[in-house]
Protein backbone atom coordinates (compact mmCIF):
# COMPACT_ATOMS: atom_id res chain seq x y z
CA MET A 1 45.63 -60.62 -49.68
CA LYS A 2 42.27 -59.67 -50.60
CA ALA A 3 41.20 -58.30 -47.31
CA LEU A 4 44.39 -56.18 -47.57
CA ALA A 5 43.58 -54.72 -50.87
CA TRP A 6 40.06 -54.10 -49.78
CA ALA A 7 41.34 -52.07 -46.78
CA GLY A 8 43.78 -50.19 -49.25
CA ILE A 9 46.78 -51.57 -47.32
CA SER A 10 48.60 -53.32 -50.07
CA PRO A 11 50.13 -50.73 -52.32
CA GLY A 12 50.64 -51.74 -55.91
CA HIS A 13 47.35 -53.87 -56.02
CA VAL A 14 43.72 -52.98 -56.72
CA LEU A 15 40.50 -54.93 -56.37
CA VAL A 16 38.77 -55.53 -59.68
CA GLU A 17 35.05 -56.87 -59.46
CA THR A 18 33.57 -58.57 -62.43
CA GLN A 19 30.37 -60.45 -63.20
CA GLY A 20 30.94 -64.02 -64.06
CA ARG A 21 30.71 -64.76 -67.86
CA ARG A 22 28.70 -68.04 -67.11
CA THR A 23 27.20 -67.79 -63.77
CA GLY A 24 26.52 -64.09 -63.70
CA LYS A 25 27.76 -63.95 -60.06
CA ARG A 26 29.84 -61.25 -58.66
CA ARG A 27 33.74 -61.92 -58.75
CA ARG A 28 36.50 -60.08 -56.86
CA ASN A 29 40.12 -60.47 -57.71
CA VAL A 30 43.14 -58.66 -56.23
CA VAL A 31 45.34 -57.77 -59.30
CA GLY A 32 48.62 -55.76 -59.72
CA MET A 33 48.24 -52.02 -60.62
CA LYS A 34 50.95 -49.33 -61.68
CA ALA A 35 49.82 -45.80 -61.78
CA THR A 36 51.83 -43.37 -63.89
CA GLY A 37 50.45 -39.76 -63.72
CA ASP A 38 46.59 -39.85 -64.46
CA THR A 39 46.79 -43.29 -65.85
CA GLY A 40 46.76 -46.61 -64.06
CA TRP A 41 47.67 -49.98 -65.66
CA VAL A 42 46.39 -53.21 -64.54
CA VAL A 43 48.35 -56.28 -65.18
CA ALA A 44 46.74 -59.70 -66.23
CA GLU A 45 49.76 -62.24 -64.88
CA HIS A 46 48.21 -64.85 -67.40
CA GLY A 47 47.14 -62.33 -70.16
CA LEU A 48 43.90 -63.27 -72.10
CA HIS A 49 43.99 -66.47 -70.22
CA SER A 50 43.00 -64.97 -66.82
CA GLY A 51 39.39 -65.57 -65.58
CA TRP A 52 38.82 -61.94 -64.84
CA VAL A 53 39.88 -60.86 -68.28
CA ARG A 54 37.52 -63.12 -69.87
CA ASN A 55 34.58 -61.99 -67.43
CA ILE A 56 35.39 -58.37 -68.36
CA GLU A 57 35.35 -59.24 -72.20
CA ALA A 58 32.00 -61.10 -71.81
CA HIS A 59 30.50 -58.29 -69.72
CA PRO A 60 32.39 -55.13 -70.26
């Protein structure tokens, strides 16, 4: 799935890259996305418990 999103083949998904909140390592996650006009909505399946969301909170 990550390879498909990276290549732009998987519609409705985007690749989000974050910095690990504890390790500092680069992390990549494929997440759901919905575009409406000029606005894009990214969906966190597990809400604030998602690791990538917590990484963004730690390193905006």
